[in-house]
């Protein structure tokens, strides 16, 4: 968390002890998608966000295009 931007981020920490369900995955997907658009919408174009469970942990895969060079990239977060 940033001291100057306490609202920065996606809010995924609230899912640390959440029950694994389709609703949890959908809520996490919504939060990540929204945060990427809010904080990086002028830098990237989000193509896809996939939230899944992997060994009792959330894994987030983001496919996006960097706007200044149209380069498509994929980033994976979590275990």
C-alpha atoms as a PDB file:
ATOM      1  CA  UNK A   1       0.000   0.000   0.000  1.00  0.00           C
ATOM      2  CA  UNK A   2       1.251   3.432  -0.829  1.00  0.00           C
ATOM      3  CA  UNK A   3       1.263   6.077   1.909  1.00  0.00           C
ATOM      4  CA  UNK A   4       0.251   8.737  -0.604  1.00  0.00           C
ATOM      5  CA  UNK A   5      -2.415   6.602  -2.341  1.00  0.00           C
ATOM      6  CA  UNK A   6      -4.083   4.443   0.330  1.00  0.00           C
ATOM      7  CA  UNK A   7      -6.735   3.389  -2.192  1.00  0.00           C
ATOM      8  CA  UNK A   8      -4.109   2.089  -4.649  1.00  0.00           C
ATOM      9  CA  UNK A   9      -4.324  -1.591  -5.526  1.00  0.00           C
ATOM     10  CA  UNK A  10      -6.963  -4.140  -6.307  1.00  0.00           C
ATOM     11  CA  UNK A  11      -8.208  -5.230  -2.895  1.00  0.00           C
ATOM     12  CA  UNK A  12      -7.201  -8.863  -3.351  1.00  0.00           C
ATOM     13  CA  UNK A  13      -5.921  -9.074   0.221  1.00  0.00           C
ATOM     14  CA  UNK A  14      -9.518  -9.355   1.406  1.00  0.00           C
ATOM     15  CA  UNK A  15      -9.618 -12.812  -0.216  1.00  0.00           C
ATOM     16  CA  UNK A  16      -6.739 -14.288   1.793  1.00  0.00           C
ATOM     17  CA  UNK A  17      -9.078 -16.356   3.970  1.00  0.00           C
ATOM     18  CA  UNK A  18     -12.124 -16.342   1.701  1.00  0.00           C
ATOM     19  CA  UNK A  19     -13.959 -19.551   0.938  1.00  0.00           C
ATOM     20  CA  UNK A  20     -13.075 -20.907  -2.513  1.00  0.00           C
ATOM     21  CA  UNK A  21     -16.144 -20.521  -4.702  1.00  0.00           C
ATOM     22  CA  UNK A  22     -17.299 -19.279  -8.091  1.00  0.00           C
ATOM     23  CA  UNK A  23     -18.531 -16.097  -6.389  1.00  0.00           C
ATOM     24  CA  UNK A  24     -15.121 -15.453  -4.825  1.00  0.00           C
ATOM     25  CA  UNK A  25     -13.375 -15.900  -8.164  1.00  0.00           C
ATOM     26  CA  UNK A  26     -15.878 -13.623  -9.901  1.00  0.00           C
ATOM     27  CA  UNK A  27     -15.471 -10.918  -7.243  1.00  0.00           C
ATOM     28  CA  UNK A  28     -11.666 -11.122  -7.479  1.00  0.00           C
ATOM     29  CA  UNK A  29     -11.878 -10.895 -11.277  1.00  0.00           C
ATOM     30  CA  UNK A  30     -14.071  -7.796 -11.013  1.00  0.00           C
ATOM     31  CA  UNK A  31     -11.700  -6.117  -8.540  1.00  0.00           C
ATOM     32  CA  UNK A  32      -8.588  -6.820 -10.620  1.00  0.00           C
ATOM     33  CA  UNK A  33     -10.217  -5.712 -13.878  1.00  0.00           C
ATOM     34  CA  UNK A  34     -11.459  -2.494 -12.270  1.00  0.00           C
ATOM     35  CA  UNK A  35      -8.144  -1.693 -10.590  1.00  0.00           C
ATOM     36  CA  UNK A  36      -6.208  -2.205 -13.817  1.00  0.00           C
ATOM     37  CA  UNK A  37      -8.565   0.110 -15.663  1.00  0.00           C
ATOM     38  CA  UNK A  38      -8.470   2.707 -12.885  1.00  0.00           C
ATOM     39  CA  UNK A  39      -4.726   2.795 -12.267  1.00  0.00           C
ATOM     40  CA  UNK A  40      -3.219   1.736 -15.612  1.00  0.00           C
ATOM     41  CA  UNK A  41      -5.951   2.505 -18.135  1.00  0.00           C
ATOM     42  CA  UNK A  42      -3.829   5.175 -19.814  1.00  0.00           C
ATOM     43  CA  UNK A  43      -0.843   2.804 -20.143  1.00  0.00           C
ATOM     44  CA  UNK A  44      -2.336  -0.582 -21.037  1.00  0.00           C
ATOM     45  CA  UNK A  45      -5.391  -2.088 -22.686  1.00  0.00           C
ATOM     46  CA  UNK A  46      -6.494  -5.138 -20.695  1.00  0.00           C
ATOM     47  CA  UNK A  47      -7.329  -7.997 -23.052  1.00  0.00           C
ATOM     48  CA  UNK A  48      -8.197 -10.649 -20.466  1.00  0.00           C
ATOM     49  CA  UNK A  49      -8.092 -11.299 -16.732  1.00  0.00           C
ATOM     50  CA  UNK A  50      -8.282 -14.861 -15.455  1.00  0.00           C
ATOM     51  CA  UNK A  51      -8.572 -15.599 -11.745  1.00  0.00           C
ATOM     52  CA  UNK A  52      -8.222 -19.208 -10.671  1.00  0.00           C
ATOM     53  CA  UNK A  53      -7.186 -21.271  -7.699  1.00  0.00           C
ATOM     54  CA  UNK A  54      -3.907 -23.118  -7.615  1.00  0.00           C
ATOM     55  CA  UNK A  55      -3.041 -25.223  -4.565  1.00  0.00           C
ATOM     56  CA  UNK A  56      -5.376 -23.284  -2.233  1.00  0.00           C
ATOM     57  CA  UNK A  57      -4.113 -19.915  -3.471  1.00  0.00           C
ATOM     58  CA  UNK A  58      -5.461 -17.371  -5.930  1.00  0.00           C
ATOM     59  CA  UNK A  59      -3.626 -17.019  -9.197  1.00  0.00           C
ATOM     60  CA  UNK A  60      -4.293 -14.057 -11.470  1.00  0.00           C
ATOM     61  CA  UNK A  61      -3.276 -14.070 -15.134  1.00  0.00           C
ATOM     62  CA  UNK A  62      -3.527 -10.769 -16.995  1.00  0.00           C
ATOM     63  CA  UNK A  63      -3.148 -10.435 -20.762  1.00  0.00           C
ATOM     64  CA  UNK A  64      -2.736  -6.848 -21.896  1.00  0.00           C
ATOM     65  CA  UNK A  65      -1.442  -4.605 -24.667  1.00  0.00           C
ATOM     66  CA  UNK A  66       1.041  -1.838 -23.888  1.00  0.00           C
ATOM     67  CA  UNK A  67      -0.456   1.213 -25.581  1.00  0.00           C
ATOM     68  CA  UNK A  68       2.734   3.041 -26.562  1.00  0.00           C
ATOM     69  CA  UNK A  69       4.135   0.131 -28.604  1.00  0.00           C
ATOM     70  CA  UNK A  70       1.151  -2.245 -29.088  1.00  0.00           C
ATOM     71  CA  UNK A  71       3.108  -5.098 -27.515  1.00  0.00           C
ATOM     72  CA  UNK A  72       0.910  -7.878 -26.083  1.00  0.00           C
ATOM     73  CA  UNK A  73       2.125  -9.280 -22.773  1.00  0.00           C
ATOM     74  CA  UNK A  74       0.957 -11.730 -20.139  1.00  0.00           C
ATOM     75  CA  UNK A  75       1.667 -11.450 -16.426  1.00  0.00           C
ATOM     76  CA  UNK A  76       0.922 -14.088 -13.794  1.00  0.00           C
ATOM     77  CA  UNK A  77       0.542 -13.237 -10.107  1.00  0.00           C
ATOM     78  CA  UNK A  78       0.276 -15.678  -7.236  1.00  0.00           C
ATOM     79  CA  UNK A  79       1.633 -19.151  -6.805  1.00  0.00           C
END
